[in-house]
Every structure is written in C-alpha cells, then in structure tokens.
PDB file of N, CA and C in Angstrom:
ATOM      1  N   UNK A   1     -53.891 -22.561 -17.674  1.00  0.00           N
ATOM      2  CA  UNK A   1     -53.173 -21.417 -17.145  1.00  0.00           C
ATOM      3  C   UNK A   1     -53.550 -20.173 -17.944  1.00  0.00           C
ATOM      4  N   UNK A   2     -53.813 -19.106 -17.249  1.00  0.00           N
ATOM      5  CA  UNK A   2     -54.268 -17.873 -17.883  1.00  0.00           C
ATOM      6  C   UNK A   2     -53.081 -17.042 -18.343  1.00  0.00           C
ATOM      7  N   UNK A   3     -53.164 -16.524 -19.589  1.00  0.00           N
ATOM      8  CA  UNK A   3     -52.090 -15.683 -20.117  1.00  0.00           C
ATOM      9  C   UNK A   3     -52.222 -14.269 -19.592  1.00  0.00           C
ATOM     10  N   UNK A   4     -51.106 -13.625 -19.355  1.00  0.00           N
ATOM     11  CA  UNK A   4     -51.106 -12.228 -18.935  1.00  0.00           C
ATOM     12  C   UNK A   4     -51.336 -11.346 -20.148  1.00  0.00           C
ATOM     13  N   UNK A   5     -52.009 -10.206 -19.934  1.00  0.00           N
ATOM     14  CA  UNK A   5     -52.191  -9.255 -21.019  1.00  0.00           C
ATOM     15  C   UNK A   5     -50.874  -8.561 -21.297  1.00  0.00           C
ATOM     16  N   UNK A   6     -50.589  -8.412 -22.574  1.00  0.00           N
ATOM     17  CA  UNK A   6     -49.363  -7.717 -22.941  1.00  0.00           C
ATOM     18  C   UNK A   6     -49.599  -6.219 -22.926  1.00  0.00           C
ATOM     19  N   UNK A   7     -48.643  -5.482 -22.407  1.00  0.00           N
ATOM     20  CA  UNK A   7     -48.717  -4.028 -22.385  1.00  0.00           C
ATOM     21  C   UNK A   7     -48.133  -3.519 -23.690  1.00  0.00           C
ATOM     22  N   UNK A   8     -48.843  -2.606 -24.377  1.00  0.00           N
ATOM     23  CA  UNK A   8     -48.305  -2.109 -25.648  1.00  0.00           C
ATOM     24  C   UNK A   8     -46.992  -1.365 -25.442  1.00  0.00           C
ATOM     25  N   UNK A   9     -46.090  -1.499 -26.424  1.00  0.00           N
ATOM     26  CA  UNK A   9     -44.763  -0.896 -26.316  1.00  0.00           C
ATOM     27  C   UNK A   9     -44.770   0.565 -26.732  1.00  0.00           C
ATOM     28  N   UNK A  10     -45.879   1.064 -27.256  1.00  0.00           N
ATOM     29  CA  UNK A  10     -45.940   2.443 -27.731  1.00  0.00           C
ATOM     30  C   UNK A  10     -47.027   3.218 -26.992  1.00  0.00           C
ATOM     31  N   UNK A  11     -46.925   4.533 -27.050  1.00  0.00           N
ATOM     32  CA  UNK A  11     -47.944   5.398 -26.452  1.00  0.00           C
ATOM     33  C   UNK A  11     -48.821   5.940 -27.566  1.00  0.00           C
ATOM     34  N   UNK A  12     -50.035   6.281 -27.211  1.00  0.00           N
ATOM     35  CA  UNK A  12     -50.968   6.809 -28.189  1.00  0.00           C
ATOM     36  C   UNK A  12     -50.900   8.328 -28.226  1.00  0.00           C
ATOM     37  N   UNK A  13     -51.232   8.907 -29.365  1.00  0.00           N
ATOM     38  CA  UNK A  13     -51.209  10.354 -29.509  1.00  0.00           C
ATOM     39  C   UNK A  13     -52.521  10.994 -29.079  1.00  0.00           C
ATOM     40  N   UNK A  14     -53.545  10.173 -28.778  1.00  0.00           N
ATOM     41  CA  UNK A  14     -54.813  10.723 -28.308  1.00  0.00           C
ATOM     42  C   UNK A  14     -55.192  10.102 -26.975  1.00  0.00           C
ATOM     43  N   UNK A  15     -56.045  10.811 -26.238  1.00  0.00           N
ATOM     44  CA  UNK A  15     -56.553  10.339 -24.955  1.00  0.00           C
ATOM     45  C   UNK A  15     -58.054  10.580 -24.921  1.00  0.00           C
ATOM     46  N   UNK A  16     -58.706   9.997 -23.932  1.00  0.00           N
ATOM     47  CA  UNK A  16     -60.140  10.208 -23.747  1.00  0.00           C
ATOM     48  C   UNK A  16     -60.393  11.695 -23.488  1.00  0.00           C
ATOM     49  N   UNK A  17     -61.400  12.243 -24.158  1.00  0.00           N
ATOM     50  CA  UNK A  17     -61.740  13.655 -23.987  1.00  0.00           C
ATOM     51  C   UNK A  17     -61.145  14.569 -25.043  1.00  0.00           C
ATOM     52  N   UNK A  18     -60.178  14.091 -25.829  1.00  0.00           N
ATOM     53  CA  UNK A  18     -59.584  14.902 -26.894  1.00  0.00           C
ATOM     54  C   UNK A  18     -60.591  15.097 -28.033  1.00  0.00           C
ATOM     55  N   UNK A  19     -60.483  16.234 -28.705  1.00  0.00           N
ATOM     56  CA  UNK A  19     -61.275  16.476 -29.911  1.00  0.00           C
ATOM     57  C   UNK A  19     -60.428  16.053 -31.093  1.00  0.00           C
ATOM     58  N   UNK A  20     -60.978  15.170 -31.930  1.00  0.00           N
ATOM     59  CA  UNK A  20     -60.213  14.611 -33.043  1.00  0.00           C
ATOM     60  C   UNK A  20     -60.970  14.752 -34.357  1.00  0.00           C
ATOM     61  N   UNK A  21     -60.227  14.594 -35.448  1.00  0.00           N
ATOM     62  CA  UNK A  21     -60.766  14.582 -36.801  1.00  0.00           C
ATOM     63  C   UNK A  21     -60.496  13.200 -37.386  1.00  0.00           C
ATOM     64  N   UNK A  22     -61.511  12.605 -38.012  1.00  0.00           N
ATOM     65  CA  UNK A  22     -61.338  11.316 -38.686  1.00  0.00           C
ATOM     66  C   UNK A  22     -60.759  11.607 -40.062  1.00  0.00           C
ATOM     67  N   UNK A  23     -59.581  11.037 -40.369  1.00  0.00           N
ATOM     68  CA  UNK A  23     -58.892  11.355 -41.624  1.00  0.00           C
ATOM     69  C   UNK A  23     -58.999  10.255 -42.677  1.00  0.00           C
ATOM     70  N   UNK A  24     -59.612   9.102 -42.316  1.00  0.00           N
ATOM     71  CA  UNK A  24     -59.755   8.017 -43.282  1.00  0.00           C
ATOM     72  C   UNK A  24     -60.960   7.167 -42.920  1.00  0.00           C
ATOM     73  N   UNK A  25     -61.527   6.503 -43.922  1.00  0.00           N
ATOM     74  CA  UNK A  25     -62.651   5.605 -43.694  1.00  0.00           C
ATOM     75  C   UNK A  25     -63.973   6.225 -44.097  1.00  0.00           C
ATOM     76  N   UNK A  26     -65.071   5.544 -43.738  1.00  0.00           N
ATOM     77  CA  UNK A  26     -66.411   6.001 -44.117  1.00  0.00           C
ATOM     78  C   UNK A  26     -66.781   7.318 -43.454  1.00  0.00           C
ATOM     79  N   UNK A  27     -66.238   7.591 -42.279  1.00  0.00           N
ATOM     80  CA  UNK A  27     -66.572   8.810 -41.539  1.00  0.00           C
ATOM     81  C   UNK A  27     -65.529   9.905 -41.746  1.00  0.00           C
ATOM     82  N   UNK A  28     -64.808   9.864 -42.845  1.00  0.00           N
ATOM     83  CA  UNK A  28     -63.760  10.849 -43.106  1.00  0.00           C
ATOM     84  C   UNK A  28     -64.319  12.266 -43.035  1.00  0.00           C
ATOM     85  N   UNK A  29     -63.609  13.146 -42.296  1.00  0.00           N
ATOM     86  CA  UNK A  29     -64.016  14.535 -42.177  1.00  0.00           C
ATOM     87  C   UNK A  29     -64.866  14.838 -40.956  1.00  0.00           C
ATOM     88  N   UNK A  30     -65.262  13.817 -40.203  1.00  0.00           N
ATOM     89  CA  UNK A  30     -66.106  14.018 -39.028  1.00  0.00           C
ATOM     90  C   UNK A  30     -65.244  14.400 -37.827  1.00  0.00           C
ATOM     91  N   UNK A  31     -65.674  15.441 -37.096  1.00  0.00           N
ATOM     92  CA  UNK A  31     -64.991  15.839 -35.865  1.00  0.00           C
ATOM     93  C   UNK A  31     -65.822  15.357 -34.692  1.00  0.00           C
ATOM     94  N   UNK A  32     -65.145  14.911 -33.636  1.00  0.00           N
ATOM     95  CA  UNK A  32     -65.856  14.460 -32.452  1.00  0.00           C
ATOM     96  C   UNK A  32     -64.912  14.272 -31.289  1.00  0.00           C
ATOM     97  N   UNK A  33     -65.503  14.008 -30.129  1.00  0.00           N
ATOM     98  CA  UNK A  33     -64.726  13.802 -28.910  1.00  0.00           C
ATOM     99  C   UNK A  33     -64.472  12.315 -28.713  1.00  0.00           C
ATOM    100  N   UNK A  34     -63.288  11.963 -28.222  1.00  0.00           N
ATOM    101  CA  UNK A  34     -62.939  10.570 -27.955  1.00  0.00           C
ATOM    102  C   UNK A  34     -63.667  10.135 -26.685  1.00  0.00           C
ATOM    103  N   UNK A  35     -64.547   9.125 -26.813  1.00  0.00           N
ATOM    104  CA  UNK A  35     -65.310   8.639 -25.664  1.00  0.00           C
ATOM    105  C   UNK A  35     -64.486   7.665 -24.828  1.00  0.00           C
ATOM    106  N   UNK A  36     -63.799   6.735 -25.479  1.00  0.00           N
ATOM    107  CA  UNK A  36     -62.839   5.892 -24.785  1.00  0.00           C
ATOM    108  C   UNK A  36     -61.884   5.238 -25.771  1.00  0.00           C
ATOM    109  N   UNK A  37     -60.729   4.816 -25.236  1.00  0.00           N
ATOM    110  CA  UNK A  37     -59.664   4.227 -26.044  1.00  0.00           C
ATOM    111  C   UNK A  37     -59.543   2.753 -25.665  1.00  0.00           C
ATOM    112  N   UNK A  38     -59.495   1.891 -26.680  1.00  0.00           N
ATOM    113  CA  UNK A  38     -59.316   0.453 -26.469  1.00  0.00           C
ATOM    114  C   UNK A  38     -57.843   0.155 -26.731  1.00  0.00           C
ATOM    115  N   UNK A  39     -57.064   0.025 -25.662  1.00  0.00           N
ATOM    116  CA  UNK A  39     -55.614  -0.082 -25.764  1.00  0.00           C
ATOM    117  C   UNK A  39     -55.190  -1.372 -26.459  1.00  0.00           C
ATOM    118  N   UNK A  40     -55.828  -2.494 -26.122  1.00  0.00           N
ATOM    119  CA  UNK A  40     -55.421  -3.797 -26.666  1.00  0.00           C
ATOM    120  C   UNK A  40     -55.522  -3.863 -28.178  1.00  0.00           C
ATOM    121  N   UNK A  41     -56.502  -3.156 -28.753  1.00  0.00           N
ATOM    122  CA  UNK A  41     -56.749  -3.247 -30.193  1.00  0.00           C
ATOM    123  C   UNK A  41     -56.341  -1.996 -30.954  1.00  0.00           C
ATOM    124  N   UNK A  42     -55.690  -1.026 -30.299  1.00  0.00           N
ATOM    125  CA  UNK A  42     -55.262   0.230 -30.932  1.00  0.00           C
ATOM    126  C   UNK A  42     -56.433   0.961 -31.577  1.00  0.00           C
ATOM    127  N   UNK A  43     -57.561   1.031 -30.890  1.00  0.00           N
ATOM    128  CA  UNK A  43     -58.753   1.657 -31.429  1.00  0.00           C
ATOM    129  C   UNK A  43     -59.349   2.642 -30.440  1.00  0.00           C
ATOM    130  N   UNK A  44     -60.180   3.551 -30.952  1.00  0.00           N
ATOM    131  CA  UNK A  44     -60.856   4.529 -30.109  1.00  0.00           C
ATOM    132  C   UNK A  44     -62.285   4.703 -30.602  1.00  0.00           C
ATOM    133  N   UNK A  45     -63.180   5.039 -29.675  1.00  0.00           N
ATOM    134  CA  UNK A  45     -64.572   5.315 -30.015  1.00  0.00           C
ATOM    135  C   UNK A  45     -64.746   6.827 -30.015  1.00  0.00           C
ATOM    136  N   UNK A  46     -65.220   7.366 -31.143  1.00  0.00           N
ATOM    137  CA  UNK A  46     -65.392   8.805 -31.313  1.00  0.00           C
ATOM    138  C   UNK A  46     -66.879   9.116 -31.433  1.00  0.00           C
ATOM    139  N   UNK A  47     -67.337  10.124 -30.675  1.00  0.00           N
ATOM    140  CA  UNK A  47     -68.750  10.506 -30.699  1.00  0.00           C
ATOM    141  C   UNK A  47     -69.131  11.016 -32.089  1.00  0.00           C
ATOM    142  N   UNK A  48     -70.187  10.441 -32.661  1.00  0.00           N
ATOM    143  CA  UNK A  48     -70.702  10.884 -33.952  1.00  0.00           C
ATOM    144  C   UNK A  48     -69.999  10.315 -35.166  1.00  0.00           C
ATOM    145  N   UNK A  49     -68.996   9.468 -34.974  1.00  0.00           N
ATOM    146  CA  UNK A  49     -68.257   8.909 -36.105  1.00  0.00           C
ATOM    147  C   UNK A  49     -68.397   7.392 -36.126  1.00  0.00           C
ATOM    148  N   UNK A  50     -68.356   6.810 -37.327  1.00  0.00           N
ATOM    149  CA  UNK A  50     -68.417   5.366 -37.534  1.00  0.00           C
ATOM    150  C   UNK A  50     -69.666   4.767 -36.888  1.00  0.00           C
ATOM    151  N   UNK A  51     -70.825   5.314 -37.240  1.00  0.00           N
ATOM    152  CA  UNK A  51     -72.105   4.867 -36.684  1.00  0.00           C
ATOM    153  C   UNK A  51     -72.493   3.524 -37.302  1.00  0.00           C
ATOM    154  N   UNK A  52     -72.838   2.555 -36.445  1.00  0.00           N
ATOM    155  CA  UNK A  52     -73.300   1.257 -36.926  1.00  0.00           C
ATOM    156  C   UNK A  52     -74.693   0.996 -36.374  1.00  0.00           C
ATOM    157  N   UNK A  53     -75.471   0.194 -37.088  1.00  0.00           N
ATOM    158  CA  UNK A  53     -76.821  -0.159 -36.668  1.00  0.00           C
ATOM    159  C   UNK A  53     -76.806  -1.587 -36.144  1.00  0.00           C
ATOM    160  N   UNK A  54     -77.334  -1.756 -34.925  1.00  0.00           N
ATOM    161  CA  UNK A  54     -77.382  -3.067 -34.295  1.00  0.00           C
ATOM    162  C   UNK A  54     -78.843  -3.477 -34.141  1.00  0.00           C
ATOM    163  N   UNK A  55     -79.188  -4.675 -34.616  1.00  0.00           N
ATOM    164  CA  UNK A  55     -80.560  -5.179 -34.513  1.00  0.00           C
ATOM    165  C   UNK A  55     -80.721  -5.904 -33.184  1.00  0.00           C
ATOM    166  N   UNK A  56     -81.802  -5.579 -32.461  1.00  0.00           N
ATOM    167  CA  UNK A  56     -82.018  -6.142 -31.136  1.00  0.00           C
ATOM    168  C   UNK A  56     -83.326  -6.923 -31.114  1.00  0.00           C
ATOM    169  N   UNK A  57     -83.269  -8.140 -30.548  1.00  0.00           N
ATOM    170  CA  UNK A  57     -84.472  -8.956 -30.393  1.00  0.00           C
ATOM    171  C   UNK A  57     -85.314  -8.393 -29.248  1.00  0.00           C
ATOM    172  N   UNK A  58     -86.590  -8.607 -29.270  1.00  0.00           N
ATOM    173  CA  UNK A  58     -87.425  -8.165 -28.151  1.00  0.00           C
ATOM    174  C   UNK A  58     -86.977  -8.821 -26.846  1.00  0.00           C
ATOM    175  N   UNK A  59     -86.934  -8.018 -25.776  1.00  0.00           N
ATOM    176  CA  UNK A  59     -86.546  -8.519 -24.469  1.00  0.00           C
ATOM    177  C   UNK A  59     -87.396  -7.828 -23.412  1.00  0.00           C
ATOM    178  N   UNK A  60     -87.135  -8.134 -22.143  1.00  0.00           N
ATOM    179  CA  UNK A  60     -87.895  -7.521 -21.056  1.00  0.00           C
ATOM    180  C   UNK A  60     -87.645  -6.010 -20.999  1.00  0.00           C
ATOM    181  N   UNK A  61     -86.403  -5.607 -21.253  1.00  0.00           N
ATOM    182  CA  UNK A  61     -86.062  -4.176 -21.224  1.00  0.00           C
ATOM    183  C   UNK A  61     -86.628  -3.429 -22.423  1.00  0.00           C
ATOM    184  N   UNK A  62     -86.582  -4.071 -23.583  1.00  0.00           N
ATOM    185  CA  UNK A  62     -87.059  -3.436 -24.810  1.00  0.00           C
ATOM    186  C   UNK A  62     -88.024  -4.398 -25.499  1.00  0.00           C
ATOM    187  N   UNK A  63     -89.309  -4.394 -25.075  1.00  0.00           N
ATOM    188  CA  UNK A  63     -90.251  -5.394 -25.592  1.00  0.00           C
ATOM    189  C   UNK A  63     -90.516  -5.316 -27.097  1.00  0.00           C
ATOM    190  N   UNK A  64     -90.339  -4.118 -27.678  1.00  0.00           N
ATOM    191  CA  UNK A  64     -90.604  -4.002 -29.118  1.00  0.00           C
ATOM    192  C   UNK A  64     -89.397  -4.380 -29.978  1.00  0.00           C
ATOM    193  N   UNK A  65     -88.202  -4.540 -29.360  1.00  0.00           N
ATOM    194  CA  UNK A  65     -87.003  -4.849 -30.138  1.00  0.00           C
ATOM    195  C   UNK A  65     -86.616  -3.649 -30.979  1.00  0.00           C
ATOM    196  N   UNK A  66     -86.044  -3.873 -32.151  1.00  0.00           N
ATOM    197  CA  UNK A  66     -85.736  -2.777 -33.061  1.00  0.00           C
ATOM    198  C   UNK A  66     -84.269  -2.650 -33.387  1.00  0.00           C
ATOM    199  N   UNK A  67     -83.910  -1.458 -33.862  1.00  0.00           N
ATOM    200  CA  UNK A  67     -82.541  -1.178 -34.265  1.00  0.00           C
ATOM    201  C   UNK A  67     -81.990  -0.035 -33.418  1.00  0.00           C
ATOM    202  N   UNK A  68     -80.738  -0.171 -33.003  1.00  0.00           N
ATOM    203  CA  UNK A  68     -80.066   0.863 -32.211  1.00  0.00           C
ATOM    204  C   UNK A  68     -78.818   1.289 -32.968  1.00  0.00           C
ATOM    205  N   UNK A  69     -78.593   2.602 -33.039  1.00  0.00           N
ATOM    206  CA  UNK A  69     -77.384   3.106 -33.686  1.00  0.00           C
ATOM    207  C   UNK A  69     -76.364   3.480 -32.621  1.00  0.00           C
ATOM    208  N   UNK A  70     -75.144   2.934 -32.753  1.00  0.00           N
ATOM    209  CA  UNK A  70     -74.072   3.218 -31.801  1.00  0.00           C
ATOM    210  C   UNK A  70     -72.786   3.501 -32.559  1.00  0.00           C
ATOM    211  N   UNK A  71     -71.812   4.084 -31.857  1.00  0.00           N
ATOM    212  CA  UNK A  71     -70.503   4.342 -32.457  1.00  0.00           C
ATOM    213  C   UNK A  71     -69.642   3.088 -32.349  1.00  0.00           C
ATOM    214  N   UNK A  72     -68.994   2.737 -33.439  1.00  0.00           N
ATOM    215  CA  UNK A  72     -68.075   1.600 -33.452  1.00  0.00           C
ATOM    216  C   UNK A  72     -66.647   2.138 -33.335  1.00  0.00           C
ATOM    217  N   UNK A  73     -65.714   1.313 -32.841  1.00  0.00           N
ATOM    218  CA  UNK A  73     -64.326   1.776 -32.704  1.00  0.00           C
ATOM    219  C   UNK A  73     -63.661   2.050 -34.053  1.00  0.00           C
ATOM    220  N   UNK A  74     -62.734   3.024 -34.050  1.00  0.00           N
ATOM    221  CA  UNK A  74     -61.948   3.395 -35.229  1.00  0.00           C
ATOM    222  C   UNK A  74     -60.483   3.211 -34.871  1.00  0.00           C
ATOM    223  N   UNK A  75     -59.679   2.768 -35.827  1.00  0.00           N
ATOM    224  CA  UNK A  75     -58.251   2.594 -35.562  1.00  0.00           C
ATOM    225  C   UNK A  75     -57.607   3.949 -35.278  1.00  0.00           C
ATOM    226  N   UNK A  76     -56.670   3.940 -34.325  1.00  0.00           N
ATOM    227  CA  UNK A  76     -55.999   5.165 -33.875  1.00  0.00           C
ATOM    228  C   UNK A  76     -55.309   5.899 -35.034  1.00  0.00           C
ATOM    229  N   UNK A  77     -54.787   5.147 -36.003  1.00  0.00           N
ATOM    230  CA  UNK A  77     -54.063   5.770 -37.109  1.00  0.00           C
ATOM    231  C   UNK A  77     -54.970   6.604 -38.009  1.00  0.00           C
ATOM    232  N   UNK A  78     -56.291   6.400 -37.918  1.00  0.00           N
ATOM    233  CA  UNK A  78     -57.232   7.151 -38.738  1.00  0.00           C
ATOM    234  C   UNK A  78     -57.754   8.400 -38.045  1.00  0.00           C
ATOM    235  N   UNK A  79     -57.163   8.755 -36.907  1.00  0.00           N
ATOM    236  CA  UNK A  79     -57.589   9.923 -36.138  1.00  0.00           C
ATOM    237  C   UNK A  79     -56.448  10.919 -36.030  1.00  0.00           C
ATOM    238  N   UNK A  80     -56.797  12.205 -36.036  1.00  0.00           N
ATOM    239  CA  UNK A  80     -55.813  13.265 -35.892  1.00  0.00           C
ATOM    240  C   UNK A  80     -56.336  14.282 -34.889  1.00  0.00           C
ATOM    241  N   UNK A  81     -55.524  14.636 -33.926  1.00  0.00           N
ATOM    242  CA  UNK A  81     -55.926  15.559 -32.881  1.00  0.00           C
ATOM    243  C   UNK A  81     -56.130  16.956 -33.446  1.00  0.00           C
ATOM    244  N   UNK A  82     -57.139  17.655 -32.925  1.00  0.00           N
ATOM    245  CA  UNK A  82     -57.397  19.032 -33.331  1.00  0.00           C
ATOM    246  C   UNK A  82     -56.744  19.949 -32.306  1.00  0.00           C
ATOM    247  N   UNK A  83     -55.915  20.861 -32.798  1.00  0.00           N
ATOM    248  CA  UNK A  83     -55.202  21.805 -31.938  1.00  0.00           C
ATOM    249  C   UNK A  83     -56.212  22.715 -31.242  1.00  0.00           C
ATOM    250  N   UNK A  84     -56.198  22.776 -29.893  1.00  0.00           N
ATOM    251  CA  UNK A  84     -57.171  23.623 -29.202  1.00  0.00           C
ATOM    252  C   UNK A  84     -56.989  25.120 -29.484  1.00  0.00           C
ATOM    253  N   UNK A  85     -55.777  25.542 -29.830  1.00  0.00           N
ATOM    254  CA  UNK A  85     -55.514  26.964 -30.067  1.00  0.00           C
ATOM    255  C   UNK A  85     -55.978  27.399 -31.464  1.00  0.00           C
ATOM    256  N   UNK A  86     -55.586  26.636 -32.497  1.00  0.00           N
ATOM    257  CA  UNK A  86     -55.892  27.033 -33.874  1.00  0.00           C
ATOM    258  C   UNK A  86     -57.168  26.403 -34.421  1.00  0.00           C
ATOM    259  N   UNK A  87     -57.579  25.268 -33.860  1.00  0.00           N
ATOM    260  CA  UNK A  87     -58.766  24.576 -34.361  1.00  0.00           C
ATOM    261  C   UNK A  87     -58.503  23.740 -35.598  1.00  0.00           C
ATOM    262  N   UNK A  88     -57.224  23.563 -35.963  1.00  0.00           N
ATOM    263  CA  UNK A  88     -56.846  22.768 -37.129  1.00  0.00           C
ATOM    264  C   UNK A  88     -56.265  21.429 -36.671  1.00  0.00           C
ATOM    265  N   UNK A  89     -56.322  20.396 -37.538  1.00  0.00           N
ATOM    266  CA  UNK A  89     -55.684  19.124 -37.196  1.00  0.00           C
ATOM    267  C   UNK A  89     -54.170  19.305 -37.088  1.00  0.00           C
ATOM    268  N   UNK A  90     -53.563  18.599 -36.160  1.00  0.00           N
ATOM    269  CA  UNK A  90     -52.137  18.752 -35.928  1.00  0.00           C
ATOM    270  C   UNK A  90     -51.493  17.428 -35.546  1.00  0.00           C
ATOM    271  N   UNK A  91     -50.197  17.354 -35.802  1.00  0.00           N
ATOM    272  CA  UNK A  91     -49.422  16.213 -35.322  1.00  0.00           C
ATOM    273  C   UNK A  91     -49.036  16.485 -33.864  1.00  0.00           C
ATOM    274  N   UNK A  92     -48.658  15.430 -33.174  1.00  0.00           N
ATOM    275  CA  UNK A  92     -48.348  15.530 -31.752  1.00  0.00           C
ATOM    276  C   UNK A  92     -46.894  15.164 -31.509  1.00  0.00           C
ATOM    277  N   UNK A  93     -46.253  15.905 -30.609  1.00  0.00           N
ATOM    278  CA  UNK A  93     -44.910  15.582 -30.159  1.00  0.00           C
ATOM    279  C   UNK A  93     -44.914  15.479 -28.645  1.00  0.00           C
ATOM    280  N   UNK A  94     -43.803  15.023 -28.085  1.00  0.00           N
ATOM    281  CA  UNK A  94     -43.667  14.953 -26.633  1.00  0.00           C
ATOM    282  C   UNK A  94     -42.390  15.666 -26.243  1.00  0.00           C
ATOM    283  N   UNK A  95     -42.464  16.405 -25.116  1.00  0.00           N
ATOM    284  CA  UNK A  95     -41.248  17.040 -24.624  1.00  0.00           C
ATOM    285  C   UNK A  95     -41.242  17.046 -23.110  1.00  0.00           C
ATOM    286  N   UNK A  96     -40.028  17.058 -22.559  1.00  0.00           N
ATOM    287  CA  UNK A  96     -39.844  17.103 -21.111  1.00  0.00           C
ATOM    288  C   UNK A  96     -39.936  18.544 -20.643  1.00  0.00           C
ATOM    289  N   UNK A  97     -40.716  18.776 -19.587  1.00  0.00           N
ATOM    290  CA  UNK A  97     -40.867  20.100 -19.012  1.00  0.00           C
ATOM    291  C   UNK A  97     -40.692  19.965 -17.508  1.00  0.00           C
ATOM    292  N   UNK A  98     -39.942  20.900 -16.932  1.00  0.00           N
ATOM    293  CA  UNK A  98     -39.724  20.857 -15.487  1.00  0.00           C
ATOM    294  C   UNK A  98     -40.900  21.521 -14.780  1.00  0.00           C
ATOM    295  N   UNK A  99     -41.534  20.760 -13.885  1.00  0.00           N
ATOM    296  CA  UNK A  99     -42.668  21.264 -13.109  1.00  0.00           C
ATOM    297  C   UNK A  99     -42.379  20.999 -11.633  1.00  0.00           C
ATOM    298  N   UNK A 100     -42.261  22.078 -10.851  1.00  0.00           N
ATOM    299  CA  UNK A 100     -42.000  21.986  -9.418  1.00  0.00           C
ATOM    300  C   UNK A 100     -40.786  21.112  -9.114  1.00  0.00           C
ATOM    301  N   UNK A 101     -39.724  21.297  -9.859  1.00  0.00           N
ATOM    302  CA  UNK A 101     -38.481  20.568  -9.628  1.00  0.00           C
ATOM    303  C   UNK A 101     -38.445  19.159 -10.184  1.00  0.00           C
ATOM    304  N   UNK A 102     -39.524  18.697 -10.815  1.00  0.00           N
ATOM    305  CA  UNK A 102     -39.556  17.353 -11.386  1.00  0.00           C
ATOM    306  C   UNK A 102     -39.784  17.453 -12.888  1.00  0.00           C
ATOM    307  N   UNK A 103     -39.199  16.530 -13.621  1.00  0.00           N
ATOM    308  CA  UNK A 103     -39.367  16.501 -15.070  1.00  0.00           C
ATOM    309  C   UNK A 103     -40.613  15.683 -15.418  1.00  0.00           C
ATOM    310  N   UNK A 104     -41.478  16.250 -16.261  1.00  0.00           N
ATOM    311  CA  UNK A 104     -42.686  15.565 -16.712  1.00  0.00           C
ATOM    312  C   UNK A 104     -42.738  15.603 -18.228  1.00  0.00           C
ATOM    313  N   UNK A 105     -43.362  14.588 -18.811  1.00  0.00           N
ATOM    314  CA  UNK A 105     -43.527  14.532 -20.257  1.00  0.00           C
ATOM    315  C   UNK A 105     -44.908  15.079 -20.599  1.00  0.00           C
ATOM    316  N   UNK A 106     -44.960  16.028 -21.527  1.00  0.00           N
ATOM    317  CA  UNK A 106     -46.211  16.625 -21.979  1.00  0.00           C
ATOM    318  C   UNK A 106     -46.341  16.455 -23.481  1.00  0.00           C
ATOM    319  N   UNK A 107     -47.578  16.346 -23.949  1.00  0.00           N
ATOM    320  CA  UNK A 107     -47.845  16.355 -25.391  1.00  0.00           C
ATOM    321  C   UNK A 107     -47.903  17.808 -25.834  1.00  0.00           C
ATOM    322  N   UNK A 108     -47.406  18.074 -27.040  1.00  0.00           N
ATOM    323  CA  UNK A 108     -47.510  19.421 -27.586  1.00  0.00           C
ATOM    324  C   UNK A 108     -47.882  19.358 -29.060  1.00  0.00           C
ATOM    325  N   UNK A 109     -48.481  20.442 -29.529  1.00  0.00           N
ATOM    326  CA  UNK A 109     -48.926  20.540 -30.905  1.00  0.00           C
ATOM    327  C   UNK A 109     -47.758  20.962 -31.781  1.00  0.00           C
ATOM    328  N   UNK A 110     -47.538  20.238 -32.869  1.00  0.00           N
ATOM    329  CA  UNK A 110     -46.470  20.607 -33.800  1.00  0.00           C
ATOM    330  C   UNK A 110     -46.881  21.830 -34.630  1.00  0.00           C
ATOM    331  N   UNK A 111     -48.186  22.098 -34.713  1.00  0.00           N
ATOM    332  CA  UNK A 111     -48.700  23.245 -35.474  1.00  0.00           C
ATOM    333  C   UNK A 111     -48.400  24.560 -34.757  1.00  0.00           C
ATOM    334  N   UNK A 112     -48.786  24.640 -33.476  1.00  0.00           N
ATOM    335  CA  UNK A 112     -48.659  25.891 -32.737  1.00  0.00           C
ATOM    336  C   UNK A 112     -47.580  25.867 -31.664  1.00  0.00           C
ATOM    337  N   UNK A 113     -47.114  24.679 -31.268  1.00  0.00           N
ATOM    338  CA  UNK A 113     -46.109  24.563 -30.224  1.00  0.00           C
ATOM    339  C   UNK A 113     -46.678  24.601 -28.820  1.00  0.00           C
ATOM    340  N   UNK A 114     -48.017  24.716 -28.687  1.00  0.00           N
ATOM    341  CA  UNK A 114     -48.662  24.781 -27.382  1.00  0.00           C
ATOM    342  C   UNK A 114     -48.726  23.402 -26.725  1.00  0.00           C
ATOM    343  N   UNK A 115     -48.587  23.381 -25.399  1.00  0.00           N
ATOM    344  CA  UNK A 115     -48.717  22.135 -24.650  1.00  0.00           C
ATOM    345  C   UNK A 115     -50.196  21.778 -24.551  1.00  0.00           C
ATOM    346  N   UNK A 116     -50.498  20.495 -24.773  1.00  0.00           N
ATOM    347  CA  UNK A 116     -51.872  20.015 -24.730  1.00  0.00           C
ATOM    348  C   UNK A 116     -52.082  19.275 -23.420  1.00  0.00           C
ATOM    349  N   UNK A 117     -53.051  19.699 -22.666  1.00  0.00           N
ATOM    350  CA  UNK A 117     -53.346  19.070 -21.367  1.00  0.00           C
ATOM    351  C   UNK A 117     -54.086  17.787 -21.554  1.00  0.00           C
TER     352      UNK A 117
END
C-alpha cells in the first residue's frame, strides 16, 4: 500500500523567483534568484549558490564524459529574502488585506513595510 505524502504544516517565507541572500554555509553572502523550492525537504535551489561538481561517465549524449557544475539545494533557514525596495535582507511577515471585497494574505517586508508580490 502506498503512503500519502504529508503536507507541511508551515508556510515558507520564500517562493520561486524571489531574490535571496545566503546567510549561512559555504555560499554565505551570495545573492541569487530562487530557481525552485523542494517542499518535502524544506530546501530551495538558488542560482549561483552552493555549486557542486558532478562527474559524468561517457554516454551517447556526452561521449567525452567529464564534470558538470550544478546548484545543490540549500535549507530554507539559511536564506533571507532581499527587500525589493531597499535592496537589503529582510524578515517576512504576513497580513490580511482586502482586495475587491475579499480578504487575501500577502507577504510584507518587516524592513520597509512594503507588500511583496
């Protein structure tokens, strides 16, 4: 019998396309865009950060084989969103805003108070 995937009980402070700063690890201080988020493992892949080298055997696609450098996932807790208004790293909050008669939850920057799309 196949187990169902568990849905995480928490929401993440970053999404795909956000500009983030790596605040811990080997790539500390690197800024980049979030390429995708791995929800099950609480990790995200950031462009230009946490570069790993993968050795590839010769194959039909790549007859010479060799080494390929790719981005490896980083834990969400080691990333901090960059405020689009100030350009500085910021913490994230959530608030309810009424849009066209309906209440929606938006992320906002604790640094500047601006809503982040």
